[in-house]
């Protein structure tokens, strides 16, 4: 699908540090791509950014996103700058796409041409985010099936997993590998035995599951191929990462080895895979809208979702604004 190019004045207006701040404020549990979009659950249409309302159950509360995906305030700042420079032109979905590219480039990776012209969804998909996003605890077979369902190849899977070369993960996303892997009472046998004590010190048994550590133990703030070097030495942090290399006979193994020895090949494949993922079901033309505020749909009632002790949902509606925004 062809998409028109749009101005990127908002990046200049908001300052070049904002995309990198988006990177630094995102902690990836299992989505494989930092700061991009919930493409694997609904498409690249900014639904992840929507807050709770009377008609929306936010994807931020999905099990794989809650207390993990961050940087929303940075996105809001970019959107404010974009609206000040060219109101009603730059969508929140395109902001995420450009910020992802800028984050990778600023961290030492390769730039790519970001196709623009996406519009923002008017809905979220909480159920889909829980069902379709790959989990840090998930086996390689299941993850491969989820990617294939969206016409993403095994190479796409390995390349996009390489986004875990920077960023952080919380203890709860990998502590199962440290003490009682798959109910065996022992650590994951694919985890490097010299790396294990370091992780146990960071994440003690029955400790605080929200403590974070680097996804890449060598160059955690750089976009490079060291992620794959870590996998070859059984130092991948997440189960979903390490299985790319430790699964005997998997077609992912030679791709990991190639990306480890050829960083340029990894950079090229990652750039193409990001384009592929960004083209999953985009809203264009008259579909969707260009939100004025990334947290809510245009000209609508805002609702707050609260949960009582029994986990039942209570809707507390209150009227914020009925102004008609450009769509």
C-alpha atoms as a PDB file:
ATOM      1  CA  UNK A   1       0.000   0.000   0.000  1.00  0.00           C
ATOM      2  CA  UNK A   2       1.396   3.378  -0.994  1.00  0.00           C
ATOM      3  CA  UNK A   3       1.632   5.996   1.718  1.00  0.00           C
ATOM      4  CA  UNK A   4       2.418   9.660   1.194  1.00  0.00           C
ATOM      5  CA  UNK A   5       5.372  11.347   2.822  1.00  0.00           C
ATOM      6  CA  UNK A   6       4.594  13.961   5.474  1.00  0.00           C
ATOM      7  CA  UNK A   7       6.627  16.783   7.012  1.00  0.00           C
ATOM      8  CA  UNK A   8       8.814  15.878   9.974  1.00  0.00           C
ATOM      9  CA  UNK A   9       8.993  19.417  11.341  1.00  0.00           C
ATOM     10  CA  UNK A  10       7.933  18.045  14.711  1.00  0.00           C
ATOM     11  CA  UNK A  11      11.278  16.311  15.164  1.00  0.00           C
ATOM     12  CA  UNK A  12      13.100  19.586  14.684  1.00  0.00           C
ATOM     13  CA  UNK A  13      10.630  21.527  16.809  1.00  0.00           C
ATOM     14  CA  UNK A  14      10.753  19.051  19.666  1.00  0.00           C
ATOM     15  CA  UNK A  15      14.501  18.603  19.754  1.00  0.00           C
ATOM     16  CA  UNK A  16      16.685  15.733  18.595  1.00  0.00           C
ATOM     17  CA  UNK A  17      16.931  14.199  22.079  1.00  0.00           C
ATOM     18  CA  UNK A  18      13.254  13.256  22.265  1.00  0.00           C
ATOM     19  CA  UNK A  19      13.415  10.063  20.194  1.00  0.00           C
ATOM     20  CA  UNK A  20      16.431   8.903  22.216  1.00  0.00           C
ATOM     21  CA  UNK A  21      14.553   9.696  25.417  1.00  0.00           C
ATOM     22  CA  UNK A  22      11.727   7.548  24.091  1.00  0.00           C
ATOM     23  CA  UNK A  23      14.244   4.731  23.713  1.00  0.00           C
ATOM     24  CA  UNK A  24      15.699   5.246  27.185  1.00  0.00           C
ATOM     25  CA  UNK A  25      12.241   5.315  28.796  1.00  0.00           C
ATOM     26  CA  UNK A  26      10.987   2.110  27.184  1.00  0.00           C
ATOM     27  CA  UNK A  27      11.421  -1.238  28.894  1.00  0.00           C
ATOM     28  CA  UNK A  28      10.617  -4.104  26.585  1.00  0.00           C
ATOM     29  CA  UNK A  29       9.201  -7.269  28.092  1.00  0.00           C
ATOM     30  CA  UNK A  30       8.416  -9.277  25.027  1.00  0.00           C
ATOM     31  CA  UNK A  31       7.349  -7.198  22.063  1.00  0.00           C
ATOM     32  CA  UNK A  32      10.739  -7.391  20.313  1.00  0.00           C
ATOM     33  CA  UNK A  33      10.683  -3.772  19.175  1.00  0.00           C
ATOM     34  CA  UNK A  34      11.286  -0.787  21.435  1.00  0.00           C
ATOM     35  CA  UNK A  35       8.989   2.215  21.051  1.00  0.00           C
ATOM     36  CA  UNK A  36       7.460   1.131  17.753  1.00  0.00           C
ATOM     37  CA  UNK A  37       3.810   0.090  17.857  1.00  0.00           C
ATOM     38  CA  UNK A  38       1.526  -2.774  18.739  1.00  0.00           C
ATOM     39  CA  UNK A  39       1.737  -4.058  15.173  1.00  0.00           C
ATOM     40  CA  UNK A  40       1.495  -7.689  16.155  1.00  0.00           C
ATOM     41  CA  UNK A  41      -1.865  -7.233  17.881  1.00  0.00           C
ATOM     42  CA  UNK A  42      -3.778  -4.762  15.735  1.00  0.00           C
ATOM     43  CA  UNK A  43      -1.520  -3.083  13.203  1.00  0.00           C
ATOM     44  CA  UNK A  44       0.549   0.078  13.301  1.00  0.00           C
ATOM     45  CA  UNK A  45      -2.164   2.601  14.090  1.00  0.00           C
ATOM     46  CA  UNK A  46      -1.299   4.071  17.489  1.00  0.00           C
ATOM     47  CA  UNK A  47      -3.887   2.105  19.476  1.00  0.00           C
ATOM     48  CA  UNK A  48      -1.343   1.417  22.226  1.00  0.00           C
ATOM     49  CA  UNK A  49      -1.332   5.120  23.125  1.00  0.00           C
ATOM     50  CA  UNK A  50      -5.050   5.375  23.940  1.00  0.00           C
ATOM     51  CA  UNK A  51      -6.046   5.708  27.594  1.00  0.00           C
ATOM     52  CA  UNK A  52      -9.109   4.116  29.170  1.00  0.00           C
ATOM     53  CA  UNK A  53     -12.491   5.629  28.308  1.00  0.00           C
ATOM     54  CA  UNK A  54     -16.130   4.607  28.279  1.00  0.00           C
ATOM     55  CA  UNK A  55     -15.584   2.718  25.017  1.00  0.00           C
ATOM     56  CA  UNK A  56     -11.877   1.833  25.188  1.00  0.00           C
ATOM     57  CA  UNK A  57     -10.056  -0.658  27.344  1.00  0.00           C
ATOM     58  CA  UNK A  58      -6.466   0.505  27.000  1.00  0.00           C
ATOM     59  CA  UNK A  59      -3.817  -1.813  25.624  1.00  0.00           C
ATOM     60  CA  UNK A  60      -1.459  -0.323  28.200  1.00  0.00           C
ATOM     61  CA  UNK A  61      -3.132  -2.621  30.737  1.00  0.00           C
ATOM     62  CA  UNK A  62      -2.537  -5.783  28.700  1.00  0.00           C
ATOM     63  CA  UNK A  63      -0.387  -8.312  30.520  1.00  0.00           C
ATOM     64  CA  UNK A  64       2.631  -7.865  28.251  1.00  0.00           C
ATOM     65  CA  UNK A  65       2.449  -4.051  28.319  1.00  0.00           C
ATOM     66  CA  UNK A  66       1.503  -3.123  31.876  1.00  0.00           C
ATOM     67  CA  UNK A  67       4.413  -1.704  33.865  1.00  0.00           C
ATOM     68  CA  UNK A  68       6.646  -2.457  30.882  1.00  0.00           C
ATOM     69  CA  UNK A  69       6.059  -0.130  27.939  1.00  0.00           C
ATOM     70  CA  UNK A  70       6.935   3.424  28.888  1.00  0.00           C
ATOM     71  CA  UNK A  71       7.826   6.748  27.261  1.00  0.00           C
ATOM     72  CA  UNK A  72       4.245   7.925  26.688  1.00  0.00           C
ATOM     73  CA  UNK A  73       4.989  11.417  28.005  1.00  0.00           C
ATOM     74  CA  UNK A  74       7.760  11.739  25.421  1.00  0.00           C
ATOM     75  CA  UNK A  75       5.276  10.857  22.681  1.00  0.00           C
ATOM     76  CA  UNK A  76       2.894  13.490  24.069  1.00  0.00           C
ATOM     77  CA  UNK A  77       5.672  16.091  23.907  1.00  0.00           C
ATOM     78  CA  UNK A  78       6.423  15.219  20.285  1.00  0.00           C
ATOM     79  CA  UNK A  79       2.725  15.411  19.443  1.00  0.00           C
ATOM     80  CA  UNK A  80       2.420  18.844  21.061  1.00  0.00           C
ATOM     81  CA  UNK A  81       5.342  20.107  18.987  1.00  0.00           C
ATOM     82  CA  UNK A  82       3.843  18.578  15.842  1.00  0.00           C
ATOM     83  CA  UNK A  83       0.459  20.201  16.449  1.00  0.00           C
ATOM     84  CA  UNK A  84       2.108  23.562  17.068  1.00  0.00           C
ATOM     85  CA  UNK A  85       4.056  23.323  13.804  1.00  0.00           C
ATOM     86  CA  UNK A  86       1.430  21.755  11.548  1.00  0.00           C
ATOM     87  CA  UNK A  87      -1.885  21.020  13.271  1.00  0.00           C
ATOM     88  CA  UNK A  88      -3.913  18.040  12.121  1.00  0.00           C
ATOM     89  CA  UNK A  89      -1.173  16.662   9.826  1.00  0.00           C
ATOM     90  CA  UNK A  90       1.091  14.233  11.715  1.00  0.00           C
ATOM     91  CA  UNK A  91      -0.559  11.155  13.216  1.00  0.00           C
ATOM     92  CA  UNK A  92       0.431   9.493  16.461  1.00  0.00           C
ATOM     93  CA  UNK A  93       1.097   6.270  14.535  1.00  0.00           C
ATOM     94  CA  UNK A  94       3.620   8.060  12.327  1.00  0.00           C
ATOM     95  CA  UNK A  95       5.220   9.647  15.391  1.00  0.00           C
ATOM     96  CA  UNK A  96       5.866   6.169  16.792  1.00  0.00           C
ATOM     97  CA  UNK A  97       7.280   4.973  13.471  1.00  0.00           C
ATOM     98  CA  UNK A  98       9.664   7.923  13.113  1.00  0.00           C
ATOM     99  CA  UNK A  99      10.682   7.859  16.786  1.00  0.00           C
ATOM    100  CA  UNK A 100      11.581   4.179  16.455  1.00  0.00           C
ATOM    101  CA  UNK A 101      13.798   4.877  13.444  1.00  0.00           C
ATOM    102  CA  UNK A 102      15.398   7.888  15.126  1.00  0.00           C
ATOM    103  CA  UNK A 103      16.033   5.912  18.331  1.00  0.00           C
ATOM    104  CA  UNK A 104      17.841   3.173  16.425  1.00  0.00           C
ATOM    105  CA  UNK A 105      19.855   5.659  14.372  1.00  0.00           C
ATOM    106  CA  UNK A 106      20.870   7.757  17.391  1.00  0.00           C
ATOM    107  CA  UNK A 107      21.976   4.606  19.206  1.00  0.00           C
ATOM    108  CA  UNK A 108      24.339   3.599  16.402  1.00  0.00           C
ATOM    109  CA  UNK A 109      22.078   1.634  14.076  1.00  0.00           C
ATOM    110  CA  UNK A 110      21.185   2.139  10.448  1.00  0.00           C
ATOM    111  CA  UNK A 111      18.592   4.644   9.243  1.00  0.00           C
ATOM    112  CA  UNK A 112      15.773   3.636   6.940  1.00  0.00           C
ATOM    113  CA  UNK A 113      13.118   5.420   4.930  1.00  0.00           C
ATOM    114  CA  UNK A 114       9.990   5.485   7.096  1.00  0.00           C
ATOM    115  CA  UNK A 115       6.816   5.317   5.019  1.00  0.00           C
ATOM    116  CA  UNK A 116       4.352   7.860   6.355  1.00  0.00           C
ATOM    117  CA  UNK A 117       0.706   8.696   5.946  1.00  0.00           C
ATOM    118  CA  UNK A 118      -0.767   6.383   8.583  1.00  0.00           C
ATOM    119  CA  UNK A 119      -3.846   7.516  10.449  1.00  0.00           C
ATOM    120  CA  UNK A 120      -4.746   6.735  14.041  1.00  0.00           C
ATOM    121  CA  UNK A 121      -7.299   4.188  15.154  1.00  0.00           C
ATOM    122  CA  UNK A 122     -10.410   5.168  17.100  1.00  0.00           C
ATOM    123  CA  UNK A 123     -10.329   1.913  19.053  1.00  0.00           C
ATOM    124  CA  UNK A 124      -7.945  -0.259  21.059  1.00  0.00           C
ATOM    125  CA  UNK A 125      -7.664  -4.030  21.238  1.00  0.00           C
ATOM    126  CA  UNK A 126      -6.957  -5.101  24.810  1.00  0.00           C
ATOM    127  CA  UNK A 127      -7.941  -8.708  24.129  1.00  0.00           C
ATOM    128  CA  UNK A 128      -5.805  -8.881  20.997  1.00  0.00           C
ATOM    129  CA  UNK A 129      -2.787  -7.420  22.793  1.00  0.00           C
ATOM    130  CA  UNK A 130      -3.044 -10.191  25.379  1.00  0.00           C
ATOM    131  CA  UNK A 131      -3.563 -12.880  22.761  1.00  0.00           C
ATOM    132  CA  UNK A 132      -1.232 -12.004  19.907  1.00  0.00           C
ATOM    133  CA  UNK A 133       1.812 -10.222  21.351  1.00  0.00           C
ATOM    134  CA  UNK A 134       4.715 -12.656  21.779  1.00  0.00           C
ATOM    135  CA  UNK A 135       5.589 -13.418  25.377  1.00  0.00           C
ATOM    136  CA  UNK A 136       9.035 -13.475  26.963  1.00  0.00           C
ATOM    137  CA  UNK A 137       8.118 -16.916  28.313  1.00  0.00           C
ATOM    138  CA  UNK A 138       6.833 -18.249  25.016  1.00  0.00           C
ATOM    139  CA  UNK A 139       8.443 -21.009  22.992  1.00  0.00           C
ATOM    140  CA  UNK A 140       9.957 -20.359  19.591  1.00  0.00           C
ATOM    141  CA  UNK A 141       7.334 -22.439  17.779  1.00  0.00           C
ATOM    142  CA  UNK A 142       4.441 -20.323  19.053  1.00  0.00           C
ATOM    143  CA  UNK A 143       6.229 -17.060  18.343  1.00  0.00           C
ATOM    144  CA  UNK A 144       7.066 -18.177  14.810  1.00  0.00           C
ATOM    145  CA  UNK A 145       3.401 -18.978  14.204  1.00  0.00           C
ATOM    146  CA  UNK A 146       2.362 -15.512  15.414  1.00  0.00           C
ATOM    147  CA  UNK A 147       4.812 -13.837  13.049  1.00  0.00           C
ATOM    148  CA  UNK A 148       3.836 -16.049  10.117  1.00  0.00           C
ATOM    149  CA  UNK A 149       0.166 -15.171  10.629  1.00  0.00           C
ATOM    150  CA  UNK A 150       1.117 -11.596   9.760  1.00  0.00           C
ATOM    151  CA  UNK A 151       3.277 -12.584   6.773  1.00  0.00           C
ATOM    152  CA  UNK A 152       6.457 -11.921   8.709  1.00  0.00           C
ATOM    153  CA  UNK A 153       9.257 -14.367   7.933  1.00  0.00           C
ATOM    154  CA  UNK A 154      11.714 -16.190  10.176  1.00  0.00           C
ATOM    155  CA  UNK A 155      14.310 -13.603   9.151  1.00  0.00           C
ATOM    156  CA  UNK A 156      11.906 -10.864  10.262  1.00  0.00           C
ATOM    157  CA  UNK A 157      11.530 -12.652  13.598  1.00  0.00           C
ATOM    158  CA  UNK A 158      15.269 -12.870  14.223  1.00  0.00           C
ATOM    159  CA  UNK A 159      15.994  -9.348  12.973  1.00  0.00           C
ATOM    160  CA  UNK A 160      13.231  -7.708  15.026  1.00  0.00           C
ATOM    161  CA  UNK A 161      14.275  -9.706  18.083  1.00  0.00           C
ATOM    162  CA  UNK A 162      17.607  -7.946  17.684  1.00  0.00           C
ATOM    163  CA  UNK A 163      15.932  -4.789  19.015  1.00  0.00           C
ATOM    164  CA  UNK A 164      16.701  -6.324  22.402  1.00  0.00           C
ATOM    165  CA  UNK A 165      20.275  -5.194  21.822  1.00  0.00           C
ATOM    166  CA  UNK A 166      19.288  -2.117  23.818  1.00  0.00           C
ATOM    167  CA  UNK A 167      16.789  -1.345  26.549  1.00  0.00           C
ATOM    168  CA  UNK A 168      15.823  -2.989  29.824  1.00  0.00           C
ATOM    169  CA  UNK A 169      13.694  -5.879  31.062  1.00  0.00           C
ATOM    170  CA  UNK A 170      12.023  -6.390  34.428  1.00  0.00           C
ATOM    171  CA  UNK A 171      12.849  -9.367  36.634  1.00  0.00           C
ATOM    172  CA  UNK A 172       9.408 -10.905  36.240  1.00  0.00           C
ATOM    173  CA  UNK A 173      10.061 -11.429  32.511  1.00  0.00           C
ATOM    174  CA  UNK A 174      12.966 -13.827  33.051  1.00  0.00           C
ATOM    175  CA  UNK A 175      13.035 -14.924  36.712  1.00  0.00           C
ATOM    176  CA  UNK A 176      11.483 -18.262  35.693  1.00  0.00           C
ATOM    177  CA  UNK A 177      14.822 -19.056  34.036  1.00  0.00           C
ATOM    178  CA  UNK A 178      16.812 -18.458  37.223  1.00  0.00           C
ATOM    179  CA  UNK A 179      15.275 -20.807  39.790  1.00  0.00           C
ATOM    180  CA  UNK A 180      12.502 -23.075  38.562  1.00  0.00           C
ATOM    181  CA  UNK A 181      12.486 -23.353  34.798  1.00  0.00           C
ATOM    182  CA  UNK A 182       9.390 -25.148  33.530  1.00  0.00           C
ATOM    183  CA  UNK A 183       8.754 -26.552  37.015  1.00  0.00           C
ATOM    184  CA  UNK A 184      12.045 -28.473  37.159  1.00  0.00           C
ATOM    185  CA  UNK A 185      13.324 -26.762  40.298  1.00  0.00           C
ATOM    186  CA  UNK A 186      16.483 -25.899  38.376  1.00  0.00           C
ATOM    187  CA  UNK A 187      17.593 -22.948  36.230  1.00  0.00           C
ATOM    188  CA  UNK A 188      17.202 -22.938  32.455  1.00  0.00           C
ATOM    189  CA  UNK A 189      19.956 -25.234  31.130  1.00  0.00           C
ATOM    190  CA  UNK A 190      20.505 -22.894  28.178  1.00  0.00           C
ATOM    191  CA  UNK A 191      21.469 -20.030  30.519  1.00  0.00           C
ATOM    192  CA  UNK A 192      25.216 -19.461  30.861  1.00  0.00           C
ATOM    193  CA  UNK A 193      26.252 -20.740  34.308  1.00  0.00           C
ATOM    194  CA  UNK A 194      28.600 -17.781  34.880  1.00  0.00           C
ATOM    195  CA  UNK A 195      25.823 -15.320  33.985  1.00  0.00           C
ATOM    196  CA  UNK A 196      23.331 -16.962  36.363  1.00  0.00           C
ATOM    197  CA  UNK A 197      24.798 -15.652  39.679  1.00  0.00           C
ATOM    198  CA  UNK A 198      24.790 -12.097  38.333  1.00  0.00           C
ATOM    199  CA  UNK A 199      21.119 -12.318  37.422  1.00  0.00           C
ATOM    200  CA  UNK A 200      20.220 -13.973  40.726  1.00  0.00           C
ATOM    201  CA  UNK A 201      21.844 -11.096  42.574  1.00  0.00           C
ATOM    202  CA  UNK A 202      19.756  -8.611  40.610  1.00  0.00           C
ATOM    203  CA  UNK A 203      16.581 -10.703  40.878  1.00  0.00           C
ATOM    204  CA  UNK A 204      16.517 -12.731  44.115  1.00  0.00           C
ATOM    205  CA  UNK A 205      13.872 -15.405  44.531  1.00  0.00           C
ATOM    206  CA  UNK A 206      10.600 -13.856  45.783  1.00  0.00           C
ATOM    207  CA  UNK A 207      12.136 -10.432  45.238  1.00  0.00           C
ATOM    208  CA  UNK A 208      10.791  -7.314  43.513  1.00  0.00           C
ATOM    209  CA  UNK A 209       9.675  -8.353  40.042  1.00  0.00           C
ATOM    210  CA  UNK A 210       9.765  -4.784  38.731  1.00  0.00           C
ATOM    211  CA  UNK A 211      13.539  -4.338  39.144  1.00  0.00           C
ATOM    212  CA  UNK A 212      15.125  -3.808  35.736  1.00  0.00           C
ATOM    213  CA  UNK A 213      18.361  -4.956  34.182  1.00  0.00           C
ATOM    214  CA  UNK A 214      19.977  -4.533  30.777  1.00  0.00           C
ATOM    215  CA  UNK A 215      18.788  -6.731  27.931  1.00  0.00           C
ATOM    216  CA  UNK A 216      22.326  -6.634  26.518  1.00  0.00           C
ATOM    217  CA  UNK A 217      24.945  -7.095  29.229  1.00  0.00           C
ATOM    218  CA  UNK A 218      27.782  -5.703  27.091  1.00  0.00           C
ATOM    219  CA  UNK A 219      26.571  -2.565  25.254  1.00  0.00           C
ATOM    220  CA  UNK A 220      23.082  -1.889  26.686  1.00  0.00           C
ATOM    221  CA  UNK A 221      22.635   1.568  25.188  1.00  0.00           C
ATOM    222  CA  UNK A 222      24.016   0.849  21.731  1.00  0.00           C
ATOM    223  CA  UNK A 223      22.266  -0.615  18.717  1.00  0.00           C
ATOM    224  CA  UNK A 224      24.699  -3.259  17.486  1.00  0.00           C
ATOM    225  CA  UNK A 225      25.051  -6.992  16.848  1.00  0.00           C
ATOM    226  CA  UNK A 226      26.233  -7.837  20.371  1.00  0.00           C
ATOM    227  CA  UNK A 227      22.751  -9.180  21.093  1.00  0.00           C
ATOM    228  CA  UNK A 228      23.546 -12.103  18.796  1.00  0.00           C
ATOM    229  CA  UNK A 229      27.010 -12.540  20.317  1.00  0.00           C
ATOM    230  CA  UNK A 230      25.266 -12.911  23.665  1.00  0.00           C
ATOM    231  CA  UNK A 231      22.989 -15.615  22.271  1.00  0.00           C
ATOM    232  CA  UNK A 232      25.980 -17.611  20.991  1.00  0.00           C
ATOM    233  CA  UNK A 233      27.434 -17.602  24.526  1.00  0.00           C
ATOM    234  CA  UNK A 234      24.055 -18.466  26.129  1.00  0.00           C
ATOM    235  CA  UNK A 235      23.752 -14.986  27.626  1.00  0.00           C
ATOM    236  CA  UNK A 236      20.432 -14.005  26.134  1.00  0.00           C
ATOM    237  CA  UNK A 237      18.308 -12.550  28.917  1.00  0.00           C
ATOM    238  CA  UNK A 238      14.829 -13.616  27.849  1.00  0.00           C
ATOM    239  CA  UNK A 239      13.775 -17.168  27.079  1.00  0.00           C
ATOM    240  CA  UNK A 240      12.236 -15.957  23.814  1.00  0.00           C
ATOM    241  CA  UNK A 241      15.613 -14.508  22.840  1.00  0.00           C
ATOM    242  CA  UNK A 242      17.864 -17.436  23.764  1.00  0.00           C
ATOM    243  CA  UNK A 243      15.636 -19.990  22.026  1.00  0.00           C
ATOM    244  CA  UNK A 244      16.501 -18.358  18.698  1.00  0.00           C
ATOM    245  CA  UNK A 245      19.940 -19.972  18.975  1.00  0.00           C
ATOM    246  CA  UNK A 246      19.469 -22.814  21.465  1.00  0.00           C
ATOM    247  CA  UNK A 247      16.661 -24.617  19.621  1.00  0.00           C
ATOM    248  CA  UNK A 248      18.367 -27.463  17.770  1.00  0.00           C
ATOM    249  CA  UNK A 249      17.539 -27.594  14.089  1.00  0.00           C
ATOM    250  CA  UNK A 250      15.635 -24.319  14.056  1.00  0.00           C
ATOM    251  CA  UNK A 251      16.005 -22.180  10.910  1.00  0.00           C
ATOM    252  CA  UNK A 252      16.685 -19.260  13.247  1.00  0.00           C
ATOM    253  CA  UNK A 253      20.086 -20.667  14.294  1.00  0.00           C
ATOM    254  CA  UNK A 254      22.039 -19.906  11.068  1.00  0.00           C
ATOM    255  CA  UNK A 255      20.417 -16.466  10.872  1.00  0.00           C
ATOM    256  CA  UNK A 256      21.618 -15.670  14.416  1.00  0.00           C
ATOM    257  CA  UNK A 257      25.118 -16.861  13.481  1.00  0.00           C
ATOM    258  CA  UNK A 258      25.107 -14.723  10.325  1.00  0.00           C
ATOM    259  CA  UNK A 259      23.970 -11.588  12.148  1.00  0.00           C
ATOM    260  CA  UNK A 260      26.632 -12.177  14.813  1.00  0.00           C
ATOM    261  CA  UNK A 261      29.438 -12.263  12.257  1.00  0.00           C
ATOM    262  CA  UNK A 262      27.987  -9.667   9.881  1.00  0.00           C
ATOM    263  CA  UNK A 263      26.582  -6.591  11.601  1.00  0.00           C
ATOM    264  CA  UNK A 264      25.848  -4.922   8.270  1.00  0.00           C
ATOM    265  CA  UNK A 265      23.596  -7.842   7.331  1.00  0.00           C
ATOM    266  CA  UNK A 266      21.739  -7.458  10.632  1.00  0.00           C
ATOM    267  CA  UNK A 267      21.307  -3.712  10.128  1.00  0.00           C
ATOM    268  CA  UNK A 268      19.969  -4.185   6.590  1.00  0.00           C
ATOM    269  CA  UNK A 269      17.561  -6.942   7.627  1.00  0.00           C
ATOM    270  CA  UNK A 270      16.366  -5.013  10.674  1.00  0.00           C
ATOM    271  CA  UNK A 271      15.600  -1.925   8.590  1.00  0.00           C
ATOM    272  CA  UNK A 272      13.602  -3.971   6.071  1.00  0.00           C
ATOM    273  CA  UNK A 273      11.788  -5.882   8.814  1.00  0.00           C
ATOM    274  CA  UNK A 274      10.795  -2.634  10.505  1.00  0.00           C
ATOM    275  CA  UNK A 275       9.292  -1.470   7.203  1.00  0.00           C
ATOM    276  CA  UNK A 276       7.513  -4.812   6.875  1.00  0.00           C
ATOM    277  CA  UNK A 277       6.098  -4.587  10.388  1.00  0.00           C
ATOM    278  CA  UNK A 278       5.135  -0.942   9.972  1.00  0.00           C
ATOM    279  CA  UNK A 279       3.035  -1.900   6.944  1.00  0.00           C
ATOM    280  CA  UNK A 280       0.798  -4.291   8.880  1.00  0.00           C
ATOM    281  CA  UNK A 281      -2.769  -3.060   8.353  1.00  0.00           C
ATOM    282  CA  UNK A 282      -2.106   0.701   8.317  1.00  0.00           C
ATOM    283  CA  UNK A 283      -5.078   3.044   8.350  1.00  0.00           C
ATOM    284  CA  UNK A 284      -4.883   5.471   5.436  1.00  0.00           C
ATOM    285  CA  UNK A 285      -7.147   7.727   3.387  1.00  0.00           C
ATOM    286  CA  UNK A 286     -10.436   8.337   5.177  1.00  0.00           C
ATOM    287  CA  UNK A 287      -9.974   5.491   7.650  1.00  0.00           C
ATOM    288  CA  UNK A 288      -9.252   6.411  11.240  1.00  0.00           C
ATOM    289  CA  UNK A 289      -8.284   9.950  12.186  1.00  0.00           C
ATOM    290  CA  UNK A 290      -5.336  12.144  13.072  1.00  0.00           C
ATOM    291  CA  UNK A 291      -5.638  12.545  16.819  1.00  0.00           C
ATOM    292  CA  UNK A 292      -4.973  15.918  18.375  1.00  0.00           C
ATOM    293  CA  UNK A 293      -4.077  14.158  21.617  1.00  0.00           C
ATOM    294  CA  UNK A 294      -2.473  10.728  21.314  1.00  0.00           C
ATOM    295  CA  UNK A 295      -4.108   9.564  24.543  1.00  0.00           C
ATOM    296  CA  UNK A 296      -7.715   9.925  23.329  1.00  0.00           C
ATOM    297  CA  UNK A 297      -9.830   9.955  20.225  1.00  0.00           C
ATOM    298  CA  UNK A 298     -10.931  13.296  18.877  1.00  0.00           C
ATOM    299  CA  UNK A 299     -13.952  15.063  20.385  1.00  0.00           C
ATOM    300  CA  UNK A 300     -15.072  12.258  22.615  1.00  0.00           C
ATOM    301  CA  UNK A 301     -16.065  11.507  26.176  1.00  0.00           C
ATOM    302  CA  UNK A 302     -13.267  10.353  28.445  1.00  0.00           C
ATOM    303  CA  UNK A 303     -13.887   7.596  30.927  1.00  0.00           C
ATOM    304  CA  UNK A 304     -11.814   6.256  33.739  1.00  0.00           C
ATOM    305  CA  UNK A 305     -11.548   2.550  34.380  1.00  0.00           C
ATOM    306  CA  UNK A 306     -11.027   1.476  37.935  1.00  0.00           C
ATOM    307  CA  UNK A 307     -10.932  -1.989  39.401  1.00  0.00           C
ATOM    308  CA  UNK A 308     -12.282  -3.118  42.743  1.00  0.00           C
ATOM    309  CA  UNK A 309     -10.714  -5.868  44.769  1.00  0.00           C
ATOM    310  CA  UNK A 310     -12.608  -8.552  42.864  1.00  0.00           C
ATOM    311  CA  UNK A 311     -11.171  -7.258  39.578  1.00  0.00           C
ATOM    312  CA  UNK A 312     -14.576  -6.155  38.254  1.00  0.00           C
ATOM    313  CA  UNK A 313     -14.564  -3.092  36.058  1.00  0.00           C
ATOM    314  CA  UNK A 314     -16.228   0.139  37.163  1.00  0.00           C
ATOM    315  CA  UNK A 315     -16.827   2.813  34.549  1.00  0.00           C
ATOM    316  CA  UNK A 316     -16.747   6.365  35.844  1.00  0.00           C
ATOM    317  CA  UNK A 317     -17.690   8.665  32.997  1.00  0.00           C
ATOM    318  CA  UNK A 318     -17.178  12.356  33.037  1.00  0.00           C
ATOM    319  CA  UNK A 319     -17.398  14.863  30.226  1.00  0.00           C
ATOM    320  CA  UNK A 320     -14.152  16.520  29.205  1.00  0.00           C
ATOM    321  CA  UNK A 321     -14.638  18.160  25.844  1.00  0.00           C
ATOM    322  CA  UNK A 322     -16.969  18.087  22.865  1.00  0.00           C
ATOM    323  CA  UNK A 323     -14.812  20.166  20.568  1.00  0.00           C
ATOM    324  CA  UNK A 324     -14.579  18.897  16.979  1.00  0.00           C
ATOM    325  CA  UNK A 325     -10.955  18.350  16.061  1.00  0.00           C
ATOM    326  CA  UNK A 326      -9.628  18.076  12.515  1.00  0.00           C
ATOM    327  CA  UNK A 327      -9.889  14.513  11.236  1.00  0.00           C
END
